[in-house]
């Protein structure tokens, strides 16, 4: 069937399949002249593309006279095979915690079930992941809701396709201190900061405000190493890794949960602004409850990670 993509009408089939993918059963079909104008196609090309999609079982339509033509049946898997030609690309944080391994596994299994090849790239730093989506390097990215909403407010170049609820991104942030005698950041300390992570940057600035400290650039996932090597005296990090790796020797101080911190704990999937097809593909293939179930199974050790 996909040999059609190598013919002239292939592009028309792809565009119209994407258009129909956003519709539901009983929705009114777009008028041919509207599709002609929107995609700069001839009437015959649009008619041929629609006929092809009907022949392969992607849609079945019903005419209702002057009311127009309506979708009687719609097969999203067939439509999707023409919208997603080869694979989808996504990026998420390095899976250093079981929670992230669970999220990566959930995504892999969701798209595998939908017969979509997912090419996942792991990039440190929410800013870099967001920028990669904005530039079109990847179809989607996993970031915290805080990072996504911050970018939407600042530039408006992305949309949130799916939200996964509280503690789906991480359980909580904690303050790590090199010395056992301290419970907070003190004047004169060297504090690790990762400016590529919006969450980490905001939390660190919040904790050092008004204090005479030295900020040391450290990738967030190397904070524990930097503490142990006496490169820094304090830093904020993800509690999940500390639990997963049983770092009992660390001085861990819990951070009082504020309203803005809740957005940092929730995972979301973002895509380019107004990319309704990617949003729809995510919503039609990813069952949030199933994702969270997979995440919990891997976190609890009752399932082997696959990603």
C-alpha atoms as a PDB file:
ATOM      1  CA  UNK A   1       0.000   0.000   0.000  1.00  0.00           C
ATOM      2  CA  UNK A   2       2.784   2.406   0.841  1.00  0.00           C
ATOM      3  CA  UNK A   3       4.107   2.204  -2.725  1.00  0.00           C
ATOM      4  CA  UNK A   4       1.508   4.881  -3.410  1.00  0.00           C
ATOM      5  CA  UNK A   5       3.724   7.355  -1.550  1.00  0.00           C
ATOM      6  CA  UNK A   6       6.210   7.180  -4.416  1.00  0.00           C
ATOM      7  CA  UNK A   7       3.600   8.370  -6.860  1.00  0.00           C
ATOM      8  CA  UNK A   8       2.429  11.925  -7.479  1.00  0.00           C
ATOM      9  CA  UNK A   9      -0.735  11.562  -5.439  1.00  0.00           C
ATOM     10  CA  UNK A  10       1.272  10.323  -2.449  1.00  0.00           C
ATOM     11  CA  UNK A  11       1.685  13.777  -0.926  1.00  0.00           C
ATOM     12  CA  UNK A  12      -2.021  14.461  -1.320  1.00  0.00           C
ATOM     13  CA  UNK A  13      -2.873  11.187   0.420  1.00  0.00           C
ATOM     14  CA  UNK A  14      -0.555  12.061   3.295  1.00  0.00           C
ATOM     15  CA  UNK A  15      -2.023  15.556   3.767  1.00  0.00           C
ATOM     16  CA  UNK A  16      -5.637  14.456   3.531  1.00  0.00           C
ATOM     17  CA  UNK A  17      -5.037  11.448   5.800  1.00  0.00           C
ATOM     18  CA  UNK A  18      -3.631  13.881   8.380  1.00  0.00           C
ATOM     19  CA  UNK A  19      -6.705  16.082   7.967  1.00  0.00           C
ATOM     20  CA  UNK A  20      -9.081  13.162   8.467  1.00  0.00           C
ATOM     21  CA  UNK A  21      -7.055  11.810  11.396  1.00  0.00           C
ATOM     22  CA  UNK A  22      -8.266  14.783  13.448  1.00  0.00           C
ATOM     23  CA  UNK A  23     -11.927  13.934  12.817  1.00  0.00           C
ATOM     24  CA  UNK A  24     -14.244  11.436  14.496  1.00  0.00           C
ATOM     25  CA  UNK A  25     -17.074   9.160  13.468  1.00  0.00           C
ATOM     26  CA  UNK A  26     -20.212  11.167  12.563  1.00  0.00           C
ATOM     27  CA  UNK A  27     -18.173  14.315  11.836  1.00  0.00           C
ATOM     28  CA  UNK A  28     -18.878  16.188   8.615  1.00  0.00           C
ATOM     29  CA  UNK A  29     -16.318  15.564   5.878  1.00  0.00           C
ATOM     30  CA  UNK A  30     -14.332  18.564   4.567  1.00  0.00           C
ATOM     31  CA  UNK A  31     -15.601  19.926   1.251  1.00  0.00           C
ATOM     32  CA  UNK A  32     -13.334  19.099  -1.708  1.00  0.00           C
ATOM     33  CA  UNK A  33     -12.937  22.766  -2.621  1.00  0.00           C
ATOM     34  CA  UNK A  34     -11.729  23.486   0.940  1.00  0.00           C
ATOM     35  CA  UNK A  35      -9.056  20.789   0.655  1.00  0.00           C
ATOM     36  CA  UNK A  36      -8.074  22.087  -2.791  1.00  0.00           C
ATOM     37  CA  UNK A  37      -7.483  25.571  -1.451  1.00  0.00           C
ATOM     38  CA  UNK A  38      -5.830  24.524   1.811  1.00  0.00           C
ATOM     39  CA  UNK A  39      -3.286  22.194   0.218  1.00  0.00           C
ATOM     40  CA  UNK A  40      -3.041  23.795  -3.254  1.00  0.00           C
ATOM     41  CA  UNK A  41      -4.170  20.631  -5.022  1.00  0.00           C
ATOM     42  CA  UNK A  42      -6.318  20.054  -8.072  1.00  0.00           C
ATOM     43  CA  UNK A  43      -9.866  18.799  -7.634  1.00  0.00           C
ATOM     44  CA  UNK A  44      -8.983  15.515  -9.338  1.00  0.00           C
ATOM     45  CA  UNK A  45      -5.991  14.932  -7.030  1.00  0.00           C
ATOM     46  CA  UNK A  46      -8.141  15.470  -3.933  1.00  0.00           C
ATOM     47  CA  UNK A  47     -10.849  13.150  -5.280  1.00  0.00           C
ATOM     48  CA  UNK A  48      -8.255  10.466  -6.084  1.00  0.00           C
ATOM     49  CA  UNK A  49      -6.736  10.712  -2.610  1.00  0.00           C
ATOM     50  CA  UNK A  50     -10.137  10.417  -0.920  1.00  0.00           C
ATOM     51  CA  UNK A  51     -11.084   7.484  -3.146  1.00  0.00           C
ATOM     52  CA  UNK A  52      -7.818   5.750  -2.263  1.00  0.00           C
ATOM     53  CA  UNK A  53      -8.381   6.194   1.491  1.00  0.00           C
ATOM     54  CA  UNK A  54     -11.871   4.746   1.119  1.00  0.00           C
ATOM     55  CA  UNK A  55     -10.546   1.791  -0.887  1.00  0.00           C
ATOM     56  CA  UNK A  56      -7.976   0.863   1.772  1.00  0.00           C
ATOM     57  CA  UNK A  57     -10.615   1.036   4.495  1.00  0.00           C
ATOM     58  CA  UNK A  58      -9.425   4.195   6.230  1.00  0.00           C
ATOM     59  CA  UNK A  59     -12.834   5.836   6.035  1.00  0.00           C
ATOM     60  CA  UNK A  60     -16.390   5.071   5.036  1.00  0.00           C
ATOM     61  CA  UNK A  61     -18.651   8.024   4.265  1.00  0.00           C
ATOM     62  CA  UNK A  62     -22.357   8.654   3.989  1.00  0.00           C
ATOM     63  CA  UNK A  63     -24.039  11.410   2.002  1.00  0.00           C
ATOM     64  CA  UNK A  64     -26.845  13.309   3.720  1.00  0.00           C
ATOM     65  CA  UNK A  65     -27.956  15.382   0.766  1.00  0.00           C
ATOM     66  CA  UNK A  66     -27.785  19.133   1.235  1.00  0.00           C
ATOM     67  CA  UNK A  67     -26.353  18.612   4.749  1.00  0.00           C
ATOM     68  CA  UNK A  68     -23.135  17.264   3.255  1.00  0.00           C
ATOM     69  CA  UNK A  69     -21.116  14.060   3.558  1.00  0.00           C
ATOM     70  CA  UNK A  70     -20.378  12.533   6.962  1.00  0.00           C
ATOM     71  CA  UNK A  71     -17.928   9.952   8.304  1.00  0.00           C
ATOM     72  CA  UNK A  72     -19.724   6.665   8.878  1.00  0.00           C
ATOM     73  CA  UNK A  73     -16.642   4.659   9.928  1.00  0.00           C
ATOM     74  CA  UNK A  74     -13.016   5.667  10.524  1.00  0.00           C
ATOM     75  CA  UNK A  75      -9.930   3.479  10.994  1.00  0.00           C
ATOM     76  CA  UNK A  76      -7.243   5.514  12.731  1.00  0.00           C
ATOM     77  CA  UNK A  77      -4.569   2.829  12.424  1.00  0.00           C
ATOM     78  CA  UNK A  78      -4.838   2.847   8.625  1.00  0.00           C
ATOM     79  CA  UNK A  79      -4.894   6.653   8.487  1.00  0.00           C
ATOM     80  CA  UNK A  80      -1.940   6.771  10.848  1.00  0.00           C
ATOM     81  CA  UNK A  81       0.092   4.527   8.551  1.00  0.00           C
ATOM     82  CA  UNK A  82      -0.088   7.269   5.922  1.00  0.00           C
ATOM     83  CA  UNK A  83       0.432  10.157   8.331  1.00  0.00           C
ATOM     84  CA  UNK A  84       3.492   8.621  10.034  1.00  0.00           C
ATOM     85  CA  UNK A  85       5.464   7.369   7.071  1.00  0.00           C
ATOM     86  CA  UNK A  86       8.488   5.872   8.813  1.00  0.00           C
ATOM     87  CA  UNK A  87       8.795   6.725  12.490  1.00  0.00           C
ATOM     88  CA  UNK A  88       8.130   9.295  15.165  1.00  0.00           C
ATOM     89  CA  UNK A  89      11.002  10.974  16.955  1.00  0.00           C
ATOM     90  CA  UNK A  90      10.948  11.970  20.607  1.00  0.00           C
ATOM     91  CA  UNK A  91      13.329  13.108  23.318  1.00  0.00           C
ATOM     92  CA  UNK A  92      13.202  12.781  27.095  1.00  0.00           C
ATOM     93  CA  UNK A  93      15.582  13.038  30.068  1.00  0.00           C
ATOM     94  CA  UNK A  94      18.341  10.495  30.558  1.00  0.00           C
ATOM     95  CA  UNK A  95      16.639   7.502  32.263  1.00  0.00           C
ATOM     96  CA  UNK A  96      18.800   7.589  35.408  1.00  0.00           C
ATOM     97  CA  UNK A  97      15.845   6.814  37.721  1.00  0.00           C
ATOM     98  CA  UNK A  98      13.323   3.976  37.738  1.00  0.00           C
ATOM     99  CA  UNK A  99      10.565   6.554  37.260  1.00  0.00           C
ATOM    100  CA  UNK A 100      12.167   7.718  34.001  1.00  0.00           C
ATOM    101  CA  UNK A 101      12.820   4.115  32.945  1.00  0.00           C
ATOM    102  CA  UNK A 102       9.144   3.447  33.537  1.00  0.00           C
ATOM    103  CA  UNK A 103       8.103   6.451  31.463  1.00  0.00           C
ATOM    104  CA  UNK A 104      10.411   5.458  28.595  1.00  0.00           C
ATOM    105  CA  UNK A 105       9.060   1.892  28.725  1.00  0.00           C
ATOM    106  CA  UNK A 106       5.469   3.108  28.744  1.00  0.00           C
ATOM    107  CA  UNK A 107       6.057   5.246  25.652  1.00  0.00           C
ATOM    108  CA  UNK A 108       7.826   2.422  23.835  1.00  0.00           C
ATOM    109  CA  UNK A 109       5.024  -0.050  24.548  1.00  0.00           C
ATOM    110  CA  UNK A 110       2.252   2.431  23.689  1.00  0.00           C
ATOM    111  CA  UNK A 111       3.625   3.208  20.243  1.00  0.00           C
ATOM    112  CA  UNK A 112       4.595  -0.423  19.630  1.00  0.00           C
ATOM    113  CA  UNK A 113       0.970  -1.379  20.214  1.00  0.00           C
ATOM    114  CA  UNK A 114      -0.034   1.291  17.683  1.00  0.00           C
ATOM    115  CA  UNK A 115       2.465  -0.164  15.200  1.00  0.00           C
ATOM    116  CA  UNK A 116       4.509   3.045  15.214  1.00  0.00           C
ATOM    117  CA  UNK A 117       8.289   2.966  15.326  1.00  0.00           C
ATOM    118  CA  UNK A 118       9.425   5.433  17.989  1.00  0.00           C
ATOM    119  CA  UNK A 119      12.983   6.742  17.798  1.00  0.00           C
ATOM    120  CA  UNK A 120      13.807   8.043  21.279  1.00  0.00           C
ATOM    121  CA  UNK A 121      16.787  10.286  22.000  1.00  0.00           C
ATOM    122  CA  UNK A 122      17.824  11.096  25.576  1.00  0.00           C
ATOM    123  CA  UNK A 123      18.863  14.709  26.105  1.00  0.00           C
ATOM    124  CA  UNK A 124      19.845  16.329  29.391  1.00  0.00           C
ATOM    125  CA  UNK A 125      18.253  19.701  30.123  1.00  0.00           C
ATOM    126  CA  UNK A 126      14.669  20.758  29.481  1.00  0.00           C
ATOM    127  CA  UNK A 127      15.728  23.852  27.522  1.00  0.00           C
ATOM    128  CA  UNK A 128      17.610  21.735  24.988  1.00  0.00           C
ATOM    129  CA  UNK A 129      14.691  19.320  24.601  1.00  0.00           C
ATOM    130  CA  UNK A 130      12.210  22.161  24.123  1.00  0.00           C
ATOM    131  CA  UNK A 131      14.456  23.892  21.597  1.00  0.00           C
ATOM    132  CA  UNK A 132      14.846  20.629  19.647  1.00  0.00           C
ATOM    133  CA  UNK A 133      11.053  20.402  19.274  1.00  0.00           C
ATOM    134  CA  UNK A 134      10.702  24.082  18.374  1.00  0.00           C
ATOM    135  CA  UNK A 135      13.290  23.631  15.592  1.00  0.00           C
ATOM    136  CA  UNK A 136      11.523  20.541  14.281  1.00  0.00           C
ATOM    137  CA  UNK A 137      14.401  18.188  15.107  1.00  0.00           C
ATOM    138  CA  UNK A 138      12.008  15.948  17.046  1.00  0.00           C
ATOM    139  CA  UNK A 139       8.240  15.465  16.886  1.00  0.00           C
ATOM    140  CA  UNK A 140       7.771  15.582  20.666  1.00  0.00           C
ATOM    141  CA  UNK A 141       9.569  15.835  23.985  1.00  0.00           C
ATOM    142  CA  UNK A 142       9.006  14.881  27.609  1.00  0.00           C
ATOM    143  CA  UNK A 143       9.529  17.754  30.052  1.00  0.00           C
ATOM    144  CA  UNK A 144       8.032  18.924  33.336  1.00  0.00           C
ATOM    145  CA  UNK A 145       4.773  20.846  33.220  1.00  0.00           C
ATOM    146  CA  UNK A 146       6.645  23.768  34.802  1.00  0.00           C
ATOM    147  CA  UNK A 147       9.182  23.907  31.959  1.00  0.00           C
ATOM    148  CA  UNK A 148       6.460  23.584  29.312  1.00  0.00           C
ATOM    149  CA  UNK A 149       4.254  26.309  30.784  1.00  0.00           C
ATOM    150  CA  UNK A 150       7.250  28.603  31.239  1.00  0.00           C
ATOM    151  CA  UNK A 151       8.153  28.236  27.549  1.00  0.00           C
ATOM    152  CA  UNK A 152       4.550  28.694  26.402  1.00  0.00           C
ATOM    153  CA  UNK A 153       4.300  31.915  28.384  1.00  0.00           C
ATOM    154  CA  UNK A 154       7.691  33.173  27.194  1.00  0.00           C
ATOM    155  CA  UNK A 155       7.578  32.289  23.487  1.00  0.00           C
ATOM    156  CA  UNK A 156       4.406  30.366  22.658  1.00  0.00           C
ATOM    157  CA  UNK A 157       6.150  28.026  20.206  1.00  0.00           C
ATOM    158  CA  UNK A 158       4.984  24.748  21.735  1.00  0.00           C
ATOM    159  CA  UNK A 159       1.797  23.074  22.912  1.00  0.00           C
ATOM    160  CA  UNK A 160       1.225  20.485  25.617  1.00  0.00           C
ATOM    161  CA  UNK A 161      -0.129  17.329  23.968  1.00  0.00           C
ATOM    162  CA  UNK A 162      -0.621  15.241  27.119  1.00  0.00           C
ATOM    163  CA  UNK A 163      -0.346  15.665  30.892  1.00  0.00           C
ATOM    164  CA  UNK A 164       0.370  12.688  33.136  1.00  0.00           C
ATOM    165  CA  UNK A 165      -0.536  13.956  36.584  1.00  0.00           C
ATOM    166  CA  UNK A 166       1.236  14.505  39.923  1.00  0.00           C
ATOM    167  CA  UNK A 167       4.639  12.879  40.515  1.00  0.00           C
ATOM    168  CA  UNK A 168       4.803  11.331  37.036  1.00  0.00           C
ATOM    169  CA  UNK A 169       8.030  13.260  36.270  1.00  0.00           C
ATOM    170  CA  UNK A 170       9.671  12.909  39.682  1.00  0.00           C
ATOM    171  CA  UNK A 171       8.569  12.383  43.278  1.00  0.00           C
ATOM    172  CA  UNK A 172      10.217  15.517  44.660  1.00  0.00           C
ATOM    173  CA  UNK A 173      13.354  17.638  44.702  1.00  0.00           C
ATOM    174  CA  UNK A 174      15.667  17.631  47.715  1.00  0.00           C
ATOM    175  CA  UNK A 175      18.597  19.714  48.918  1.00  0.00           C
ATOM    176  CA  UNK A 176      21.883  17.798  49.155  1.00  0.00           C
ATOM    177  CA  UNK A 177      24.644  19.055  51.456  1.00  0.00           C
ATOM    178  CA  UNK A 178      28.247  17.881  51.690  1.00  0.00           C
ATOM    179  CA  UNK A 179      28.485  18.430  55.444  1.00  0.00           C
ATOM    180  CA  UNK A 180      26.295  16.509  57.882  1.00  0.00           C
ATOM    181  CA  UNK A 181      26.189  19.492  60.246  1.00  0.00           C
ATOM    182  CA  UNK A 182      24.254  21.741  57.865  1.00  0.00           C
ATOM    183  CA  UNK A 183      20.518  21.751  57.132  1.00  0.00           C
ATOM    184  CA  UNK A 184      20.393  24.563  54.582  1.00  0.00           C
ATOM    185  CA  UNK A 185      22.606  26.599  52.254  1.00  0.00           C
ATOM    186  CA  UNK A 186      24.907  28.908  54.195  1.00  0.00           C
ATOM    187  CA  UNK A 187      26.979  31.952  53.216  1.00  0.00           C
ATOM    188  CA  UNK A 188      30.318  30.998  51.673  1.00  0.00           C
ATOM    189  CA  UNK A 189      29.088  27.716  50.183  1.00  0.00           C
ATOM    190  CA  UNK A 190      29.719  26.563  46.627  1.00  0.00           C
ATOM    191  CA  UNK A 191      26.348  25.633  45.130  1.00  0.00           C
ATOM    192  CA  UNK A 192      25.906  23.520  42.003  1.00  0.00           C
ATOM    193  CA  UNK A 193      23.610  24.900  39.312  1.00  0.00           C
ATOM    194  CA  UNK A 194      22.456  23.534  35.955  1.00  0.00           C
ATOM    195  CA  UNK A 195      21.228  26.407  33.777  1.00  0.00           C
ATOM    196  CA  UNK A 196      20.015  24.016  31.066  1.00  0.00           C
ATOM    197  CA  UNK A 197      17.269  22.770  33.390  1.00  0.00           C
ATOM    198  CA  UNK A 198      14.544  25.351  34.005  1.00  0.00           C
ATOM    199  CA  UNK A 199      13.319  23.502  37.087  1.00  0.00           C
ATOM    200  CA  UNK A 200      16.764  23.190  38.620  1.00  0.00           C
ATOM    201  CA  UNK A 201      17.631  26.799  37.810  1.00  0.00           C
ATOM    202  CA  UNK A 202      14.465  28.147  39.417  1.00  0.00           C
ATOM    203  CA  UNK A 203      14.758  26.003  42.556  1.00  0.00           C
ATOM    204  CA  UNK A 204      18.433  26.798  43.045  1.00  0.00           C
ATOM    205  CA  UNK A 205      17.891  30.542  42.652  1.00  0.00           C
ATOM    206  CA  UNK A 206      15.021  30.301  45.133  1.00  0.00           C
ATOM    207  CA  UNK A 207      17.295  28.687  47.744  1.00  0.00           C
ATOM    208  CA  UNK A 208      20.316  30.977  47.331  1.00  0.00           C
ATOM    209  CA  UNK A 209      18.410  34.258  47.191  1.00  0.00           C
ATOM    210  CA  UNK A 210      19.975  36.825  49.515  1.00  0.00           C
ATOM    211  CA  UNK A 211      22.923  34.577  50.395  1.00  0.00           C
ATOM    212  CA  UNK A 212      26.603  35.155  49.729  1.00  0.00           C
ATOM    213  CA  UNK A 213      27.448  31.986  47.831  1.00  0.00           C
ATOM    214  CA  UNK A 214      29.392  30.897  44.740  1.00  0.00           C
ATOM    215  CA  UNK A 215      27.442  29.259  41.930  1.00  0.00           C
ATOM    216  CA  UNK A 216      29.303  26.407  40.232  1.00  0.00           C
ATOM    217  CA  UNK A 217      28.138  25.139  36.833  1.00  0.00           C
ATOM    218  CA  UNK A 218      27.439  21.419  37.213  1.00  0.00           C
ATOM    219  CA  UNK A 219      25.171  19.202  35.070  1.00  0.00           C
ATOM    220  CA  UNK A 220      22.350  18.233  37.411  1.00  0.00           C
ATOM    221  CA  UNK A 221      22.950  14.505  36.934  1.00  0.00           C
ATOM    222  CA  UNK A 222      26.545  14.987  38.181  1.00  0.00           C
ATOM    223  CA  UNK A 223      25.659  16.831  41.397  1.00  0.00           C
ATOM    224  CA  UNK A 224      26.214  13.810  43.637  1.00  0.00           C
ATOM    225  CA  UNK A 225      29.616  13.176  42.069  1.00  0.00           C
ATOM    226  CA  UNK A 226      30.524  16.858  42.486  1.00  0.00           C
ATOM    227  CA  UNK A 227      29.516  16.732  46.172  1.00  0.00           C
ATOM    228  CA  UNK A 228      31.615  13.655  46.844  1.00  0.00           C
ATOM    229  CA  UNK A 229      34.612  15.081  44.986  1.00  0.00           C
ATOM    230  CA  UNK A 230      34.435  18.285  47.069  1.00  0.00           C
ATOM    231  CA  UNK A 231      33.698  20.410  44.003  1.00  0.00           C
ATOM    232  CA  UNK A 232      30.549  21.863  45.580  1.00  0.00           C
ATOM    233  CA  UNK A 233      29.034  22.115  49.059  1.00  0.00           C
ATOM    234  CA  UNK A 234      25.358  21.942  48.129  1.00  0.00           C
ATOM    235  CA  UNK A 235      22.933  21.310  45.278  1.00  0.00           C
ATOM    236  CA  UNK A 236      19.322  20.449  44.508  1.00  0.00           C
ATOM    237  CA  UNK A 237      18.526  17.107  42.959  1.00  0.00           C
ATOM    238  CA  UNK A 238      15.869  14.492  42.222  1.00  0.00           C
ATOM    239  CA  UNK A 239      15.013  12.344  45.242  1.00  0.00           C
ATOM    240  CA  UNK A 240      14.150   9.354  43.017  1.00  0.00           C
ATOM    241  CA  UNK A 241      17.773   8.623  42.140  1.00  0.00           C
ATOM    242  CA  UNK A 242      18.781   8.786  45.792  1.00  0.00           C
ATOM    243  CA  UNK A 243      16.132   6.194  46.682  1.00  0.00           C
ATOM    244  CA  UNK A 244      16.840   3.990  43.644  1.00  0.00           C
ATOM    245  CA  UNK A 245      20.592   3.856  44.336  1.00  0.00           C
ATOM    246  CA  UNK A 246      20.324   3.802  48.133  1.00  0.00           C
ATOM    247  CA  UNK A 247      22.622   6.765  48.747  1.00  0.00           C
ATOM    248  CA  UNK A 248      22.413   6.547  52.538  1.00  0.00           C
ATOM    249  CA  UNK A 249      25.624   8.535  53.103  1.00  0.00           C
ATOM    250  CA  UNK A 250      24.171  11.764  51.686  1.00  0.00           C
ATOM    251  CA  UNK A 251      22.845  14.627  53.816  1.00  0.00           C
ATOM    252  CA  UNK A 252      19.360  14.952  52.317  1.00  0.00           C
ATOM    253  CA  UNK A 253      17.101  17.838  53.320  1.00  0.00           C
ATOM    254  CA  UNK A 254      13.518  17.816  52.083  1.00  0.00           C
ATOM    255  CA  UNK A 255      12.175  20.972  50.461  1.00  0.00           C
ATOM    256  CA  UNK A 256       8.740  22.212  51.630  1.00  0.00           C
ATOM    257  CA  UNK A 257       6.326  21.667  48.746  1.00  0.00           C
ATOM    258  CA  UNK A 258       5.005  24.895  47.241  1.00  0.00           C
ATOM    259  CA  UNK A 259       2.324  25.222  44.576  1.00  0.00           C
ATOM    260  CA  UNK A 260       4.842  25.972  41.797  1.00  0.00           C
ATOM    261  CA  UNK A 261       6.834  22.871  42.747  1.00  0.00           C
ATOM    262  CA  UNK A 262       3.872  20.640  41.820  1.00  0.00           C
ATOM    263  CA  UNK A 263       4.259  21.640  38.173  1.00  0.00           C
ATOM    264  CA  UNK A 264       7.898  20.483  38.336  1.00  0.00           C
ATOM    265  CA  UNK A 265       6.831  17.001  39.433  1.00  0.00           C
ATOM    266  CA  UNK A 266       4.391  16.384  36.561  1.00  0.00           C
ATOM    267  CA  UNK A 267       5.464  14.938  33.212  1.00  0.00           C
ATOM    268  CA  UNK A 268       4.005  16.310  29.986  1.00  0.00           C
ATOM    269  CA  UNK A 269       4.563  15.644  26.306  1.00  0.00           C
ATOM    270  CA  UNK A 270       5.074  18.729  24.165  1.00  0.00           C
ATOM    271  CA  UNK A 271       5.026  19.262  20.401  1.00  0.00           C
ATOM    272  CA  UNK A 272       5.300  22.251  18.073  1.00  0.00           C
ATOM    273  CA  UNK A 273       2.493  24.769  18.426  1.00  0.00           C
ATOM    274  CA  UNK A 274      -0.616  23.895  16.387  1.00  0.00           C
ATOM    275  CA  UNK A 275       0.770  20.501  15.359  1.00  0.00           C
ATOM    276  CA  UNK A 276      -2.626  18.910  15.791  1.00  0.00           C
ATOM    277  CA  UNK A 277      -1.594  15.677  14.097  1.00  0.00           C
ATOM    278  CA  UNK A 278       1.145  14.905  16.636  1.00  0.00           C
ATOM    279  CA  UNK A 279      -1.209  15.882  19.466  1.00  0.00           C
ATOM    280  CA  UNK A 280      -3.867  13.565  18.062  1.00  0.00           C
ATOM    281  CA  UNK A 281      -1.409  10.689  17.537  1.00  0.00           C
ATOM    282  CA  UNK A 282      -0.319  10.993  21.167  1.00  0.00           C
ATOM    283  CA  UNK A 283      -3.876  11.070  22.482  1.00  0.00           C
ATOM    284  CA  UNK A 284      -4.994   8.151  20.321  1.00  0.00           C
ATOM    285  CA  UNK A 285      -2.006   5.921  21.179  1.00  0.00           C
ATOM    286  CA  UNK A 286      -1.055   6.762  24.761  1.00  0.00           C
ATOM    287  CA  UNK A 287      -3.422   5.645  27.498  1.00  0.00           C
ATOM    288  CA  UNK A 288      -2.377   7.715  30.515  1.00  0.00           C
ATOM    289  CA  UNK A 289      -3.585   5.166  33.084  1.00  0.00           C
ATOM    290  CA  UNK A 290      -1.648   2.395  31.317  1.00  0.00           C
ATOM    291  CA  UNK A 291       1.464   4.592  31.180  1.00  0.00           C
ATOM    292  CA  UNK A 292       1.289   5.268  34.927  1.00  0.00           C
ATOM    293  CA  UNK A 293       0.662   1.585  35.635  1.00  0.00           C
ATOM    294  CA  UNK A 294       3.797   0.640  33.659  1.00  0.00           C
ATOM    295  CA  UNK A 295       5.782   3.355  35.411  1.00  0.00           C
ATOM    296  CA  UNK A 296       4.740   2.060  38.842  1.00  0.00           C
ATOM    297  CA  UNK A 297       5.522  -1.555  37.953  1.00  0.00           C
ATOM    298  CA  UNK A 298       9.073  -0.650  36.953  1.00  0.00           C
ATOM    299  CA  UNK A 299       9.477   1.604  39.979  1.00  0.00           C
ATOM    300  CA  UNK A 300       8.389  -1.293  42.223  1.00  0.00           C
ATOM    301  CA  UNK A 301      10.589  -3.805  40.412  1.00  0.00           C
ATOM    302  CA  UNK A 302       7.739  -6.010  39.130  1.00  0.00           C
ATOM    303  CA  UNK A 303       8.447  -5.307  35.458  1.00  0.00           C
ATOM    304  CA  UNK A 304      11.631  -5.207  33.373  1.00  0.00           C
ATOM    305  CA  UNK A 305      12.350  -1.892  31.590  1.00  0.00           C
ATOM    306  CA  UNK A 306      12.073  -1.948  27.784  1.00  0.00           C
ATOM    307  CA  UNK A 307      13.073   1.118  25.812  1.00  0.00           C
END
